[in-house]
mmCIF file of all heavy atoms, coordinates in Angstrom:
data_MODEL
# 
_entry.id   MODEL 
# 
loop_
_atom_site.group_PDB 
_atom_site.id 
_atom_site.type_symbol 
_atom_site.label_atom_id 
_atom_site.label_alt_id 
_atom_site.label_comp_id 
_atom_site.label_asym_id 
_atom_site.label_entity_id 
_atom_site.label_seq_id 
_atom_site.pdbx_PDB_ins_code 
_atom_site.Cartn_x 
_atom_site.Cartn_y 
_atom_site.Cartn_z 
_atom_site.occupancy 
_atom_site.B_iso_or_equiv 
_atom_site.pdbx_formal_charge 
_atom_site.auth_seq_id 
_atom_site.auth_comp_id 
_atom_site.auth_asym_id 
_atom_site.auth_atom_id 
_atom_site.pdbx_PDB_model_num 
ATOM 1   N N   . LYS A 1 1  ? 0.886   -1.209 0.008   1.00 0.00 ? 1  LYS A N   1 
ATOM 2   C CA  . LYS A 1 1  ? -0.035  0.020  -0.021  1.00 0.00 ? 1  LYS A CA  1 
ATOM 3   C C   . LYS A 1 1  ? 0.845   1.204  0.035   1.00 0.00 ? 1  LYS A C   1 
ATOM 4   O O   . LYS A 1 1  ? 0.649   2.200  -0.750  1.00 0.00 ? 1  LYS A O   1 
ATOM 5   C CB  . LYS A 1 1  ? -0.878  -0.022 1.216   1.00 0.00 ? 1  LYS A CB  1 
ATOM 6   C CG  . LYS A 1 1  ? -1.833  1.278  1.304   1.00 0.00 ? 1  LYS A CG  1 
ATOM 7   C CD  . LYS A 1 1  ? -2.902  1.121  2.532   1.00 0.00 ? 1  LYS A CD  1 
ATOM 8   C CE  . LYS A 1 1  ? -3.779  -0.064 2.274   1.00 0.00 ? 1  LYS A CE  1 
ATOM 9   N NZ  . LYS A 1 1  ? -4.826  -0.069 3.329   1.00 0.00 ? 1  LYS A NZ  1 
ATOM 10  N N   . LEU A 1 2  ? 2.000   1.321  0.773   1.00 0.00 ? 2  LEU A N   1 
ATOM 11  C CA  . LEU A 1 2  ? 2.811   2.394  0.841   1.00 0.00 ? 2  LEU A CA  1 
ATOM 12  C C   . LEU A 1 2  ? 3.507   2.577  -0.512  1.00 0.00 ? 2  LEU A C   1 
ATOM 13  O O   . LEU A 1 2  ? 3.611   3.669  -1.068  1.00 0.00 ? 2  LEU A O   1 
ATOM 14  C CB  . LEU A 1 2  ? 3.845   2.229  1.963   1.00 0.00 ? 2  LEU A CB  1 
ATOM 15  C CG  . LEU A 1 2  ? 5.039   3.227  2.037   1.00 0.00 ? 2  LEU A CG  1 
ATOM 16  C CD1 . LEU A 1 2  ? 4.404   4.634  2.330   1.00 0.00 ? 2  LEU A CD1 1 
ATOM 17  C CD2 . LEU A 1 2  ? 5.941   2.917  3.098   1.00 0.00 ? 2  LEU A CD2 1 
ATOM 18  N N   . ALA A 1 3  ? 4.057   1.439  -1.122  1.00 0.00 ? 3  ALA A N   1 
ATOM 19  C CA  . ALA A 1 3  ? 4.696   1.460  -2.279  1.00 0.00 ? 3  ALA A CA  1 
ATOM 20  C C   . ALA A 1 3  ? 3.699   1.917  -3.454  1.00 0.00 ? 3  ALA A C   1 
ATOM 21  O O   . ALA A 1 3  ? 4.145   2.621  -4.452  1.00 0.00 ? 3  ALA A O   1 
ATOM 22  C CB  . ALA A 1 3  ? 5.260   0.036  -2.734  1.00 0.00 ? 3  ALA A CB  1 
ATOM 23  N N   . GLY A 1 4  ? 2.501   1.558  -3.367  1.00 0.00 ? 4  GLY A N   1 
ATOM 24  C CA  . GLY A 1 4  ? 1.432   1.983  -4.344  1.00 0.00 ? 4  GLY A CA  1 
ATOM 25  C C   . GLY A 1 4  ? 1.215   3.461  -4.237  1.00 0.00 ? 4  GLY A C   1 
ATOM 26  O O   . GLY A 1 4  ? 1.214   4.139  -5.334  1.00 0.00 ? 4  GLY A O   1 
ATOM 27  N N   . VAL A 1 5  ? 1.169   3.976  -3.077  1.00 0.00 ? 5  VAL A N   1 
ATOM 28  C CA  . VAL A 1 5  ? 0.989   5.429  -2.944  1.00 0.00 ? 5  VAL A CA  1 
ATOM 29  C C   . VAL A 1 5  ? 2.221   6.258  -3.473  1.00 0.00 ? 5  VAL A C   1 
ATOM 30  O O   . VAL A 1 5  ? 2.024   7.261  -4.251  1.00 0.00 ? 5  VAL A O   1 
ATOM 31  C CB  . VAL A 1 5  ? 0.833   5.877  -1.505  1.00 0.00 ? 5  VAL A CB  1 
ATOM 32  C CG1 . VAL A 1 5  ? 0.788   7.356  -1.320  1.00 0.00 ? 5  VAL A CG1 1 
ATOM 33  C CG2 . VAL A 1 5  ? -0.518  5.302  -0.922  1.00 0.00 ? 5  VAL A CG2 1 
ATOM 34  N N   . ILE A 1 6  ? 3.398   5.679  -3.237  1.00 0.00 ? 6  ILE A N   1 
ATOM 35  C CA  . ILE A 1 6  ? 4.628   6.370  -3.790  1.00 0.00 ? 6  ILE A CA  1 
ATOM 36  C C   . ILE A 1 6  ? 4.563   6.259  -5.340  1.00 0.00 ? 6  ILE A C   1 
ATOM 37  O O   . ILE A 1 6  ? 4.980   7.276  -5.979  1.00 0.00 ? 6  ILE A O   1 
ATOM 38  C CB  . ILE A 1 6  ? 5.820   5.686  -3.297  1.00 0.00 ? 6  ILE A CB  1 
ATOM 39  C CG1 . ILE A 1 6  ? 5.915   5.982  -1.726  1.00 0.00 ? 6  ILE A CG1 1 
ATOM 40  C CG2 . ILE A 1 6  ? 7.098   6.154  -3.878  1.00 0.00 ? 6  ILE A CG2 1 
ATOM 41  C CD1 . ILE A 1 6  ? 7.038   5.250  -0.971  1.00 0.00 ? 6  ILE A CD1 1 
ATOM 42  N N   . ALA A 1 7  ? 4.290   5.143  -5.818  1.00 0.00 ? 7  ALA A N   1 
ATOM 43  C CA  . ALA A 1 7  ? 4.228   4.930  -7.340  1.00 0.00 ? 7  ALA A CA  1 
ATOM 44  C C   . ALA A 1 7  ? 3.188   5.781  -7.989  1.00 0.00 ? 7  ALA A C   1 
ATOM 45  O O   . ALA A 1 7  ? 3.435   6.481  -9.012  1.00 0.00 ? 7  ALA A O   1 
ATOM 46  C CB  . ALA A 1 7  ? 3.921   3.484  -7.676  1.00 0.00 ? 7  ALA A CB  1 
ATOM 47  N N   . LEU A 1 8  ? 2.075   5.958  -7.314  1.00 0.00 ? 8  LEU A N   1 
ATOM 48  C CA  . LEU A 1 8  ? 0.965   6.920  -7.885  1.00 0.00 ? 8  LEU A CA  1 
ATOM 49  C C   . LEU A 1 8  ? 1.484   8.356  -7.867  1.00 0.00 ? 8  LEU A C   1 
ATOM 50  O O   . LEU A 1 8  ? 1.357   9.086  -8.830  1.00 0.00 ? 8  LEU A O   1 
ATOM 51  C CB  . LEU A 1 8  ? -0.315  6.742  -7.098  1.00 0.00 ? 8  LEU A CB  1 
ATOM 52  C CG  . LEU A 1 8  ? -1.471  7.609  -7.525  1.00 0.00 ? 8  LEU A CG  1 
ATOM 53  C CD1 . LEU A 1 8  ? -1.808  7.221  -9.060  1.00 0.00 ? 8  LEU A CD1 1 
ATOM 54  C CD2 . LEU A 1 8  ? -2.651  7.393  -6.642  1.00 0.00 ? 8  LEU A CD2 1 
ATOM 55  N N   . GLY A 1 9  ? 2.094   8.802  -6.802  1.00 0.00 ? 9  GLY A N   1 
ATOM 56  C CA  . GLY A 1 9  ? 2.588   10.149 -6.665  1.00 0.00 ? 9  GLY A CA  1 
ATOM 57  C C   . GLY A 1 9  ? 3.629   10.383 -7.670  1.00 0.00 ? 9  GLY A C   1 
ATOM 58  O O   . GLY A 1 9  ? 3.687   11.369 -8.295  1.00 0.00 ? 9  GLY A O   1 
ATOM 59  N N   . ALA A 1 10 ? 4.637   9.418  -7.826  1.00 0.00 ? 10 ALA A N   1 
ATOM 60  C CA  . ALA A 1 10 ? 5.698   9.627  -8.823  1.00 0.00 ? 10 ALA A CA  1 
ATOM 61  C C   . ALA A 1 10 ? 5.093   9.656  -10.246 1.00 0.00 ? 10 ALA A C   1 
ATOM 62  O O   . ALA A 1 10 ? 5.595   10.420 -11.101 1.00 0.00 ? 10 ALA A O   1 
ATOM 63  C CB  . ALA A 1 10 ? 6.713   8.487  -8.726  1.00 0.00 ? 10 ALA A CB  1 
ATOM 64  N N   . GLY A 1 11 ? 4.069   8.809  -10.496 1.00 0.00 ? 11 GLY A N   1 
ATOM 65  C CA  . GLY A 1 11 ? 3.474   8.757  -11.868 1.00 0.00 ? 11 GLY A CA  1 
ATOM 66  C C   . GLY A 1 11 ? 2.792   10.056 -12.128 1.00 0.00 ? 11 GLY A C   1 
ATOM 67  O O   . GLY A 1 11 ? 2.922   10.626 -13.190 1.00 0.00 ? 11 GLY A O   1 
ATOM 68  N N   . LEU A 1 12 ? 1.992   10.648 -11.223 1.00 0.00 ? 12 LEU A N   1 
ATOM 69  C CA  . LEU A 1 12 ? 1.402   11.876 -11.305 1.00 0.00 ? 12 LEU A CA  1 
ATOM 70  C C   . LEU A 1 12 ? 2.417   13.004 -11.630 1.00 0.00 ? 12 LEU A C   1 
ATOM 71  O O   . LEU A 1 12 ? 2.159   13.882 -12.391 1.00 0.00 ? 12 LEU A O   1 
ATOM 72  C CB  . LEU A 1 12 ? 0.395   12.204 -10.153 1.00 0.00 ? 12 LEU A CB  1 
ATOM 73  C CG  . LEU A 1 12 ? -0.772  11.331 -10.023 1.00 0.00 ? 12 LEU A CG  1 
ATOM 74  C CD1 . LEU A 1 12 ? -1.551  11.582 -8.776  1.00 0.00 ? 12 LEU A CD1 1 
ATOM 75  C CD2 . LEU A 1 12 ? -1.649  11.369 -11.286 1.00 0.00 ? 12 LEU A CD2 1 
ATOM 76  N N   . LEU A 1 13 ? 3.414   13.035 -10.807 1.00 0.00 ? 13 LEU A N   1 
ATOM 77  C CA  . LEU A 1 13 ? 4.503   14.031 -10.940 1.00 0.00 ? 13 LEU A CA  1 
ATOM 78  C C   . LEU A 1 13 ? 5.100   14.000 -12.421 1.00 0.00 ? 13 LEU A C   1 
ATOM 79  O O   . LEU A 1 13 ? 5.349   14.940 -13.110 1.00 0.00 ? 13 LEU A O   1 
ATOM 80  C CB  . LEU A 1 13 ? 5.563   13.893 -9.940  1.00 0.00 ? 13 LEU A CB  1 
ATOM 81  C CG  . LEU A 1 13 ? 6.704   14.920 -10.007 1.00 0.00 ? 13 LEU A CG  1 
ATOM 82  C CD1 . LEU A 1 13 ? 6.216   16.333 -9.829  1.00 0.00 ? 13 LEU A CD1 1 
ATOM 83  C CD2 . LEU A 1 13 ? 7.784   14.517 -8.909  1.00 0.00 ? 13 LEU A CD2 1 
ATOM 84  N N   . ALA A 1 14 ? 5.371   12.718 -12.824 1.00 0.00 ? 14 ALA A N   1 
ATOM 85  C CA  . ALA A 1 14 ? 5.988   12.636 -14.182 1.00 0.00 ? 14 ALA A CA  1 
ATOM 86  C C   . ALA A 1 14 ? 5.064   13.055 -15.244 1.00 0.00 ? 14 ALA A C   1 
ATOM 87  O O   . ALA A 1 14 ? 5.437   13.698 -16.270 1.00 0.00 ? 14 ALA A O   1 
ATOM 88  C CB  . ALA A 1 14 ? 6.345   11.087 -14.330 1.00 0.00 ? 14 ALA A CB  1 
ATOM 89  N N   . VAL A 1 15 ? 3.728   12.816 -15.139 1.00 0.00 ? 15 VAL A N   1 
ATOM 90  C CA  . VAL A 1 15 ? 2.856   13.220 -16.128 1.00 0.00 ? 15 VAL A CA  1 
ATOM 91  C C   . VAL A 1 15 ? 2.673   14.781 -16.139 1.00 0.00 ? 15 VAL A C   1 
ATOM 92  O O   . VAL A 1 15 ? 2.575   15.425 -17.143 1.00 0.00 ? 15 VAL A O   1 
ATOM 93  C CB  . VAL A 1 15 ? 1.441   12.671 -15.863 1.00 0.00 ? 15 VAL A CB  1 
ATOM 94  C CG1 . VAL A 1 15 ? 0.367   13.203 -16.611 1.00 0.00 ? 15 VAL A CG1 1 
ATOM 95  C CG2 . VAL A 1 15 ? 1.434   11.098 -16.057 1.00 0.00 ? 15 VAL A CG2 1 
ATOM 96  N N   . ALA A 1 16 ? 2.723   15.368 -14.992 1.00 0.00 ? 16 ALA A N   1 
ATOM 97  C CA  . ALA A 1 16 ? 2.692   16.804 -14.779 1.00 0.00 ? 16 ALA A CA  1 
ATOM 98  C C   . ALA A 1 16 ? 3.913   17.540 -15.453 1.00 0.00 ? 16 ALA A C   1 
ATOM 99  O O   . ALA A 1 16 ? 3.761   18.475 -16.120 1.00 0.00 ? 16 ALA A O   1 
ATOM 100 C CB  . ALA A 1 16 ? 2.523   17.276 -13.371 1.00 0.00 ? 16 ALA A CB  1 
ATOM 101 N N   . LEU A 1 17 ? 5.032   16.874 -15.261 1.00 0.00 ? 17 LEU A N   1 
ATOM 102 C CA  . LEU A 1 17 ? 6.248   17.392 -15.886 1.00 0.00 ? 17 LEU A CA  1 
ATOM 103 C C   . LEU A 1 17 ? 6.279   17.271 -17.412 1.00 0.00 ? 17 LEU A C   1 
ATOM 104 O O   . LEU A 1 17 ? 6.804   18.072 -18.098 1.00 0.00 ? 17 LEU A O   1 
ATOM 105 C CB  . LEU A 1 17 ? 7.493   16.775 -15.272 1.00 0.00 ? 17 LEU A CB  1 
ATOM 106 C CG  . LEU A 1 17 ? 7.734   17.147 -13.769 1.00 0.00 ? 17 LEU A CG  1 
ATOM 107 C CD1 . LEU A 1 17 ? 8.976   16.320 -13.321 1.00 0.00 ? 17 LEU A CD1 1 
ATOM 108 C CD2 . LEU A 1 17 ? 8.071   18.672 -13.548 1.00 0.00 ? 17 LEU A CD2 1 
ATOM 109 N N   . GLN A 1 18 ? 5.701   16.209 -17.889 1.00 0.00 ? 18 GLN A N   1 
ATOM 110 C CA  . GLN A 1 18 ? 5.761   15.899 -19.306 1.00 0.00 ? 18 GLN A CA  1 
ATOM 111 C C   . GLN A 1 18 ? 4.660   16.760 -19.903 1.00 0.00 ? 18 GLN A C   1 
ATOM 112 O O   . GLN A 1 18 ? 4.747   17.008 -21.200 1.00 0.00 ? 18 GLN A O   1 
ATOM 113 C CB  . GLN A 1 18 ? 5.465   14.376 -19.530 1.00 0.00 ? 18 GLN A CB  1 
ATOM 114 C CG  . GLN A 1 18 ? 6.598   13.431 -19.185 1.00 0.00 ? 18 GLN A CG  1 
ATOM 115 C CD  . GLN A 1 18 ? 6.265   12.025 -19.467 1.00 0.00 ? 18 GLN A CD  1 
ATOM 116 O OE1 . GLN A 1 18 ? 5.087   11.708 -19.735 1.00 0.00 ? 18 GLN A OE1 1 
ATOM 117 N NE2 . GLN A 1 18 ? 7.131   11.158 -19.104 1.00 0.00 ? 18 GLN A NE2 1 
ATOM 118 N N   . GLN A 1 19 ? 3.657   17.104 -19.197 1.00 0.00 ? 19 GLN A N   1 
ATOM 119 C CA  . GLN A 1 19 ? 2.527   17.825 -19.657 1.00 0.00 ? 19 GLN A CA  1 
ATOM 120 C C   . GLN A 1 19 ? 1.751   17.191 -20.822 1.00 0.00 ? 19 GLN A C   1 
ATOM 121 O O   . GLN A 1 19 ? 1.223   17.761 -21.674 1.00 0.00 ? 19 GLN A O   1 
ATOM 122 C CB  . GLN A 1 19 ? 2.987   19.215 -20.153 1.00 0.00 ? 19 GLN A CB  1 
ATOM 123 C CG  . GLN A 1 19 ? 3.609   20.054 -19.061 1.00 0.00 ? 19 GLN A CG  1 
ATOM 124 C CD  . GLN A 1 19 ? 4.107   21.450 -19.594 1.00 0.00 ? 19 GLN A CD  1 
ATOM 125 O OE1 . GLN A 1 19 ? 4.212   21.779 -20.769 1.00 0.00 ? 19 GLN A OE1 1 
ATOM 126 N NE2 . GLN A 1 19 ? 4.406   22.360 -18.570 1.00 0.00 ? 19 GLN A NE2 1 
ATOM 127 N N   . ARG A 1 20 ? 1.778   15.855 -20.678 1.00 0.00 ? 20 ARG A N   1 
ATOM 128 C CA  . ARG A 1 20 ? 1.004   14.958 -21.661 1.00 0.00 ? 20 ARG A CA  1 
ATOM 129 C C   . ARG A 1 20 ? 0.854   13.642 -21.031 1.00 0.00 ? 20 ARG A C   1 
ATOM 130 O O   . ARG A 1 20 ? 1.518   13.234 -20.076 1.00 0.00 ? 20 ARG A O   1 
ATOM 131 C CB  . ARG A 1 20 ? 1.731   14.892 -23.000 1.00 0.00 ? 20 ARG A CB  1 
ATOM 132 C CG  . ARG A 1 20 ? 3.081   14.294 -22.890 1.00 0.00 ? 20 ARG A CG  1 
ATOM 133 C CD  . ARG A 1 20 ? 3.723   14.176 -24.262 1.00 0.00 ? 20 ARG A CD  1 
ATOM 134 N NE  . ARG A 1 20 ? 5.083   13.688 -24.179 1.00 0.00 ? 20 ARG A NE  1 
ATOM 135 C CZ  . ARG A 1 20 ? 5.392   12.322 -24.201 1.00 0.00 ? 20 ARG A CZ  1 
ATOM 136 N NH1 . ARG A 1 20 ? 4.405   11.488 -24.261 1.00 0.00 ? 20 ARG A NH1 1 
ATOM 137 N NH2 . ARG A 1 20 ? 6.654   11.848 -24.111 1.00 0.00 ? 20 ARG A NH2 1 
ATOM 138 N N   . PHE A 1 21 ? -0.160  12.894 -21.521 1.00 0.00 ? 21 PHE A N   1 
ATOM 139 C CA  . PHE A 1 21 ? -0.311  11.573 -21.089 1.00 0.00 ? 21 PHE A CA  1 
ATOM 140 C C   . PHE A 1 21 ? -1.057  10.678 -22.163 1.00 0.00 ? 21 PHE A C   1 
ATOM 141 O O   . PHE A 1 21 ? -1.539  11.361 -23.157 1.00 0.00 ? 21 PHE A O   1 
ATOM 142 C CB  . PHE A 1 21 ? -1.279  11.535 -19.755 1.00 0.00 ? 21 PHE A CB  1 
ATOM 143 C CG  . PHE A 1 21 ? -2.655  12.154 -20.045 1.00 0.00 ? 21 PHE A CG  1 
ATOM 144 C CD1 . PHE A 1 21 ? -3.777  11.337 -20.395 1.00 0.00 ? 21 PHE A CD1 1 
ATOM 145 C CD2 . PHE A 1 21 ? -2.827  13.530 -19.918 1.00 0.00 ? 21 PHE A CD2 1 
ATOM 146 C CE1 . PHE A 1 21 ? -5.033  11.848 -20.714 1.00 0.00 ? 21 PHE A CE1 1 
ATOM 147 C CE2 . PHE A 1 21 ? -4.115  14.062 -20.094 1.00 0.00 ? 21 PHE A CE2 1 
ATOM 148 C CZ  . PHE A 1 21 ? -5.146  13.259 -20.460 1.00 0.00 ? 21 PHE A CZ  1 
ATOM 149 N N   . ARG A 1 22 ? -0.867  9.339  -22.054 1.00 0.00 ? 22 ARG A N   1 
ATOM 150 C CA  . ARG A 1 22 ? -1.457  8.505  -23.068 1.00 0.00 ? 22 ARG A CA  1 
ATOM 151 C C   . ARG A 1 22 ? -3.021  8.493  -22.899 1.00 0.00 ? 22 ARG A C   1 
ATOM 152 O O   . ARG A 1 22 ? -3.548  8.414  -21.944 1.00 0.00 ? 22 ARG A O   1 
ATOM 153 C CB  . ARG A 1 22 ? -1.032  7.092  -22.891 1.00 0.00 ? 22 ARG A CB  1 
ATOM 154 C CG  . ARG A 1 22 ? 0.525   6.972  -23.179 1.00 0.00 ? 22 ARG A CG  1 
ATOM 155 C CD  . ARG A 1 22 ? 0.883   5.437  -23.093 1.00 0.00 ? 22 ARG A CD  1 
ATOM 156 N NE  . ARG A 1 22 ? 0.403   4.645  -24.281 1.00 0.00 ? 22 ARG A NE  1 
ATOM 157 C CZ  . ARG A 1 22 ? 0.345   3.386  -24.320 1.00 0.00 ? 22 ARG A CZ  1 
ATOM 158 N NH1 . ARG A 1 22 ? 1.018   2.629  -23.384 1.00 0.00 ? 22 ARG A NH1 1 
ATOM 159 N NH2 . ARG A 1 22 ? -0.118  2.716  -25.322 1.00 0.00 ? 22 ARG A NH2 1 
ATOM 160 N N   . ILE A 1 23 ? -3.661  8.640  -24.012 1.00 0.00 ? 23 ILE A N   1 
ATOM 161 C CA  . ILE A 1 23 ? -5.131  8.741  -24.059 1.00 0.00 ? 23 ILE A CA  1 
ATOM 162 C C   . ILE A 1 23 ? -5.585  7.296  -23.635 1.00 0.00 ? 23 ILE A C   1 
ATOM 163 O O   . ILE A 1 23 ? -5.260  6.246  -24.224 1.00 0.00 ? 23 ILE A O   1 
ATOM 164 C CB  . ILE A 1 23 ? -5.729  9.053  -25.491 1.00 0.00 ? 23 ILE A CB  1 
ATOM 165 C CG1 . ILE A 1 23 ? -5.252  10.373 -25.840 1.00 0.00 ? 23 ILE A CG1 1 
ATOM 166 C CG2 . ILE A 1 23 ? -7.251  8.987  -25.382 1.00 0.00 ? 23 ILE A CG2 1 
ATOM 167 C CD1 . ILE A 1 23 ? -5.648  11.546 -24.915 1.00 0.00 ? 23 ILE A CD1 1 
ATOM 168 N N   . PRO A 1 24 ? -6.515  7.156  -22.631 1.00 0.00 ? 24 PRO A N   1 
ATOM 169 C CA  . PRO A 1 24 ? -7.056  5.868  -22.132 1.00 0.00 ? 24 PRO A CA  1 
ATOM 170 C C   . PRO A 1 24 ? -7.801  5.178  -23.355 1.00 0.00 ? 24 PRO A C   1 
ATOM 171 O O   . PRO A 1 24 ? -8.312  5.832  -24.198 1.00 0.00 ? 24 PRO A O   1 
ATOM 172 C CB  . PRO A 1 24 ? -7.921  6.212  -21.028 1.00 0.00 ? 24 PRO A CB  1 
ATOM 173 C CG  . PRO A 1 24 ? -7.495  7.578  -20.483 1.00 0.00 ? 24 PRO A CG  1 
ATOM 174 C CD  . PRO A 1 24 ? -6.961  8.300  -21.733 1.00 0.00 ? 24 PRO A CD  1 
ATOM 175 N N   . SER A 1 25 ? -7.820  3.838  -23.270 1.00 0.00 ? 25 SER A N   1 
ATOM 176 C CA  . SER A 1 25 ? -8.429  3.043  -24.346 1.00 0.00 ? 25 SER A CA  1 
ATOM 177 C C   . SER A 1 25 ? -9.884  2.819  -23.868 1.00 0.00 ? 25 SER A C   1 
ATOM 178 O O   . SER A 1 25 ? -10.300 3.102  -22.833 1.00 0.00 ? 25 SER A O   1 
ATOM 179 C CB  . SER A 1 25 ? -7.742  1.738  -24.460 1.00 0.00 ? 25 SER A CB  1 
ATOM 180 O OG  . SER A 1 25 ? -7.932  0.886  -23.305 1.00 0.00 ? 25 SER A OG  1 
ATOM 181 N N   . PRO A 1 26 ? -10.719 2.387  -24.897 1.00 0.00 ? 26 PRO A N   1 
ATOM 182 C CA  . PRO A 1 26 ? -12.090 1.905  -24.424 1.00 0.00 ? 26 PRO A CA  1 
ATOM 183 C C   . PRO A 1 26 ? -12.095 0.977  -23.280 1.00 0.00 ? 26 PRO A C   1 
ATOM 184 O O   . PRO A 1 26 ? -13.126 1.013  -22.552 1.00 0.00 ? 26 PRO A O   1 
ATOM 185 C CB  . PRO A 1 26 ? -12.600 1.287  -25.745 1.00 0.00 ? 26 PRO A CB  1 
ATOM 186 C CG  . PRO A 1 26 ? -11.844 2.003  -26.870 1.00 0.00 ? 26 PRO A CG  1 
ATOM 187 C CD  . PRO A 1 26 ? -10.484 2.165  -26.281 1.00 0.00 ? 26 PRO A CD  1 
ATOM 188 N N   . VAL A 1 27 ? -11.250 0.090  -23.108 1.00 0.00 ? 27 VAL A N   1 
ATOM 189 C CA  . VAL A 1 27 ? -11.209 -0.763 -21.983 1.00 0.00 ? 27 VAL A CA  1 
ATOM 190 C C   . VAL A 1 27 ? -11.203 -0.074 -20.723 1.00 0.00 ? 27 VAL A C   1 
ATOM 191 O O   . VAL A 1 27 ? -11.856 -0.376 -19.703 1.00 0.00 ? 27 VAL A O   1 
ATOM 192 C CB  . VAL A 1 27 ? -10.042 -1.770 -22.097 1.00 0.00 ? 27 VAL A CB  1 
ATOM 193 C CG1 . VAL A 1 27 ? -9.960  -2.556 -20.816 1.00 0.00 ? 27 VAL A CG1 1 
ATOM 194 C CG2 . VAL A 1 27 ? -10.166 -2.648 -23.358 1.00 0.00 ? 27 VAL A CG2 1 
# 
């Protein structure tokens, strides 16, 4: 759970810095 929170935070930060993200699929 702790690792998941860290991974989510790091992922959101990376997306914010890139200023773009992959468009989700219909799934």
